[in-house]
Amino acid sequence: MINKVFISILTLFSFGISIFILATTSVENTIYGPQEVILFSIPLAMVIVNSNLFILPKLIKSPDSYLRFKKGLENIFLALSLLLTILHIGLILSVSGFDINLILLVPLSVGVVLITTANTLPRFQLEMPTSSVLSKSTHQVWNIVLRPFSIPLIIGGLVMLFCALLPEHLILSGFLTVLFCTLLISILLSFRAYKTHLNKC
């Protein structure tokens, strides 16, 4: 519930900034688009993304299953809302004449999302069903590969945050390198855990 409150506050705050700028200042058309796009595209994106928090409980047939994942999902949506708010403020400052390097926000944003996702993944452990051997096997594999996949995400996310300290011309290449290595290592470790499980069976 607290996460939903913060998400709503961030969304209203983003709209509030846009309405204030629209009422008091004239934002010229830039490479990012016309004034309305600059001011309201990210707040509207936040509404669309966060509406899933209210739609998902109605779509998931098993309320008990959703309750197990509820806090983890809310943490991810809160991180996304925070990052979109920061991006929105950075974009407005940039088109208002302030010297803001938006490239810096890329590794910072993705790094925070990776760390949040990695901390949330363990909550998505599946219960072992007793009705179907195939379902039990599938759930077991998911639980086995989940933790090895999440550990590199935390490390990669932390390293990605430091990419913002690189010289400007190296930020994007450094970010992409860390992202590629993080995903590759996560997949390899998960596959190794899966193969180890098969060898024990």
Protein backbone atom coordinates (compact mmCIF):
# COMPACT_ATOMS: atom_id res chain seq x y z
CA MET A 1 0.00 0.00 0.00
CA ILE A 2 2.86 2.42 0.89
CA ASN A 3 4.52 1.75 -2.47
CA LYS A 4 1.29 2.56 -4.30
CA VAL A 5 1.03 5.84 -2.38
CA PHE A 6 4.58 6.84 -3.37
CA ILE A 7 3.93 5.82 -6.98
CA SER A 8 0.80 7.99 -7.06
CA ILE A 9 2.69 10.91 -5.50
CA LEU A 10 5.48 10.66 -8.08
CA THR A 11 2.96 10.52 -10.93
CA LEU A 12 1.03 13.55 -9.63
CA PHE A 13 4.31 15.38 -9.02
CA SER A 14 5.37 14.82 -12.64
CA PHE A 15 2.04 16.12 -13.93
CA GLY A 16 2.26 19.05 -11.51
CA ILE A 17 5.67 20.09 -12.84
CA SER A 18 4.42 19.88 -16.43
CA ILE A 19 1.29 21.93 -15.72
CA PHE A 20 3.35 24.54 -13.82
CA ILE A 21 5.85 24.86 -16.69
CA LEU A 22 3.03 25.04 -19.22
CA ALA A 23 1.30 27.81 -17.27
CA THR A 24 4.37 29.91 -16.47
CA THR A 25 6.99 29.24 -19.15
CA SER A 26 7.07 28.70 -22.89
CA VAL A 27 9.12 25.63 -23.88
CA GLU A 28 10.32 25.87 -27.46
CA ASN A 29 10.15 22.93 -29.85
CA THR A 30 13.41 20.98 -29.74
CA ILE A 31 14.88 17.75 -31.08
CA TYR A 32 12.82 16.00 -28.40
CA GLY A 33 9.55 17.19 -29.94
CA PRO A 34 6.92 19.89 -29.43
CA GLN A 35 6.10 21.41 -26.06
CA GLU A 36 3.17 19.10 -25.26
CA VAL A 37 5.22 15.98 -25.99
CA ILE A 38 8.11 17.13 -23.81
CA LEU A 39 5.87 18.05 -20.89
CA PHE A 40 3.37 15.20 -20.86
CA SER A 41 4.83 12.13 -22.62
CA ILE A 42 6.64 10.79 -19.54
CA PRO A 43 3.80 11.51 -17.04
CA LEU A 44 1.35 9.75 -19.38
CA ALA A 45 3.78 6.85 -19.72
CA MET A 46 3.85 6.63 -15.91
CA VAL A 47 0.06 6.43 -15.82
CA ILE A 48 0.02 3.65 -18.43
CA VAL A 49 2.80 1.66 -16.74
CA ASN A 50 1.47 2.02 -13.20
CA SER A 51 -2.11 1.23 -14.18
CA ASN A 52 -0.90 -2.38 -14.37
CA LEU A 53 -0.73 -2.40 -10.57
CA PHE A 54 -4.50 -2.04 -10.52
CA ILE A 55 -5.22 -4.20 -13.56
CA LEU A 56 -3.06 -7.23 -12.67
CA PRO A 57 -5.05 -8.26 -9.55
CA LYS A 58 -8.17 -8.49 -11.71
CA LEU A 59 -6.43 -10.51 -14.44
CA ILE A 60 -4.75 -13.06 -12.17
CA LYS A 61 -7.25 -15.77 -11.33
CA SER A 62 -5.55 -16.89 -8.13
CA PRO A 63 -5.47 -14.11 -5.50
CA ASP A 64 -3.06 -16.12 -3.34
CA SER A 65 -0.52 -16.26 -6.17
CA TYR A 66 -0.72 -12.52 -6.72
CA LEU A 67 -0.25 -11.78 -3.02
CA ARG A 68 3.06 -13.68 -3.10
CA PHE A 69 4.33 -11.44 -5.91
CA LYS A 70 2.56 -8.22 -4.90
CA LYS A 71 5.37 -6.57 -2.93
CA GLY A 72 8.01 -7.50 -5.49
CA LEU A 73 5.95 -6.06 -8.35
CA GLU A 74 5.27 -2.88 -6.41
CA ASN A 75 9.00 -2.45 -5.73
CA ILE A 76 9.76 -2.71 -9.44
CA PHE A 77 7.01 -0.26 -10.40
CA LEU A 78 8.18 2.17 -7.69
CA ALA A 79 11.74 2.07 -9.04
CA LEU A 80 10.46 2.67 -12.58
CA SER A 81 8.30 5.58 -11.40
CA LEU A 82 11.23 7.17 -9.58
CA LEU A 83 13.48 6.85 -12.62
CA LEU A 84 10.84 8.21 -14.99
CA THR A 85 10.33 11.18 -12.65
CA ILE A 86 14.08 11.89 -12.63
CA LEU A 87 14.20 11.54 -16.42
CA HIS A 88 11.23 13.89 -16.73
CA ILE A 89 12.90 16.54 -14.56
CA GLY A 90 16.17 16.14 -16.48
CA LEU A 91 14.40 16.50 -19.81
CA ILE A 92 12.58 19.67 -18.72
CA LEU A 93 15.78 21.19 -17.34
CA SER A 94 17.60 20.32 -20.56
CA VAL A 95 15.07 22.00 -22.87
CA SER A 96 14.84 24.96 -20.46
CA GLY A 97 18.47 25.85 -21.15
CA PHE A 98 20.25 24.09 -18.31
CA ASP A 99 23.34 22.07 -19.15
CA ILE A 100 22.02 18.58 -18.36
CA ASN A 101 23.66 15.50 -19.86
CA LEU A 102 20.76 13.09 -20.40
CA ILE A 103 23.19 10.28 -21.30
CA LEU A 104 24.13 10.18 -17.60
CA LEU A 105 20.60 9.12 -16.76
CA VAL A 106 20.84 5.96 -18.90
CA PRO A 107 23.33 3.94 -16.76
CA LEU A 108 21.86 5.38 -13.55
CA SER A 109 18.31 4.42 -14.53
CA VAL A 110 19.09 0.94 -15.84
CA GLY A 111 21.45 0.25 -12.93
CA VAL A 112 18.77 1.02 -10.35
CA VAL A 113 16.22 -1.09 -12.26
CA LEU A 114 18.64 -4.06 -12.40
CA ILE A 115 19.36 -3.84 -8.67
CA THR A 116 15.67 -3.56 -7.80
CA THR A 117 14.77 -6.44 -10.11
CA ALA A 118 17.54 -8.64 -8.70
CA ASN A 119 16.38 -8.01 -5.13
CA THR A 120 12.81 -8.78 -6.15
CA LEU A 121 13.38 -11.98 -8.16
CA PRO A 122 13.69 -14.30 -5.11
CA ARG A 123 10.10 -13.38 -4.23
CA PHE A 124 9.00 -15.09 -7.45
CA GLN A 125 9.85 -18.59 -6.23
CA LEU A 126 7.10 -20.96 -7.36
CA GLU A 127 5.40 -23.49 -5.13
CA MET A 128 5.73 -27.16 -6.02
CA PRO A 129 2.41 -28.48 -7.40
CA THR A 130 1.40 -32.05 -6.66
CA SER A 131 -1.09 -32.57 -9.47
CA SER A 132 1.26 -32.66 -12.46
CA VAL A 133 4.78 -34.03 -12.84
CA LEU A 134 5.45 -31.65 -15.75
CA SER A 135 4.31 -28.61 -13.77
CA LYS A 136 6.40 -29.67 -10.78
CA SER A 137 9.46 -30.10 -12.97
CA THR A 138 8.92 -26.73 -14.66
CA HIS A 139 8.51 -24.92 -11.34
CA GLN A 140 11.58 -26.64 -9.93
CA VAL A 141 13.73 -25.54 -12.88
CA TRP A 142 12.45 -21.97 -12.53
CA ASN A 143 13.37 -21.90 -8.83
CA ILE A 144 16.82 -23.35 -9.51
CA VAL A 145 17.85 -20.82 -12.19
CA LEU A 146 16.29 -17.80 -10.46
CA ARG A 147 18.96 -17.07 -7.85
CA PRO A 148 22.03 -17.53 -10.14
CA PHE A 149 20.34 -15.14 -12.58
CA SER A 150 19.70 -12.45 -9.97
CA ILE A 151 23.17 -12.27 -8.36
CA PRO A 152 24.98 -10.88 -11.47
CA LEU A 153 22.16 -8.37 -11.91
CA ILE A 154 22.98 -6.80 -8.54
CA ILE A 155 26.71 -6.64 -9.31
CA GLY A 156 26.11 -5.41 -12.86
CA GLY A 157 23.66 -2.80 -11.63
CA LEU A 158 26.19 -1.45 -9.11
CA VAL A 159 28.96 -1.33 -11.74
CA MET A 160 26.54 0.38 -14.13
CA LEU A 161 26.01 3.20 -11.61
CA PHE A 162 29.74 3.93 -11.73
CA CYS A 163 29.57 4.22 -15.53
CA ALA A 164 28.08 7.67 -14.93
CA LEU A 165 31.52 8.74 -13.62
CA LEU A 166 33.25 7.89 -16.90
CA PRO A 167 34.22 10.58 -19.41
CA GLU A 168 31.19 11.64 -21.44
CA HIS A 169 32.34 9.94 -24.67
CA LEU A 170 32.79 6.60 -22.82
CA ILE A 171 29.52 6.52 -20.86
CA LEU A 172 27.36 4.87 -23.53
CA SER A 173 29.97 2.29 -24.62
CA GLY A 174 30.77 1.47 -20.99
CA PHE A 175 27.10 1.09 -20.18
CA LEU A 176 26.46 -1.24 -23.14
CA THR A 177 29.52 -3.34 -22.27
CA VAL A 178 28.42 -3.77 -18.65
CA LEU A 179 24.85 -4.55 -19.71
CA PHE A 180 25.98 -7.20 -22.21
CA CYS A 181 28.36 -8.83 -19.73
CA THR A 182 25.74 -8.78 -16.97
CA LEU A 183 23.11 -10.51 -19.07
CA LEU A 184 25.60 -13.00 -20.52
CA ILE A 185 26.96 -13.98 -17.10
CA SER A 186 23.43 -14.25 -15.67
CA ILE A 187 22.38 -16.61 -18.46
CA LEU A 188 25.55 -18.71 -18.18
CA LEU A 189 25.28 -19.08 -14.39
CA SER A 190 21.60 -20.02 -14.65
CA PHE A 191 22.39 -22.59 -17.34
CA ARG A 192 25.21 -23.99 -15.20
CA ALA A 193 22.85 -24.34 -12.22
CA TYR A 194 20.33 -26.09 -14.45
CA LYS A 195 22.97 -28.51 -15.79
CA THR A 196 24.16 -29.25 -12.25
CA HIS A 197 20.59 -30.04 -11.26
CA LEU A 198 20.21 -32.42 -14.22
CA ASN A 199 23.44 -34.23 -13.31
CA LYS A 200 22.23 -34.79 -9.75
CA CYS A 201 18.90 -36.23 -10.92
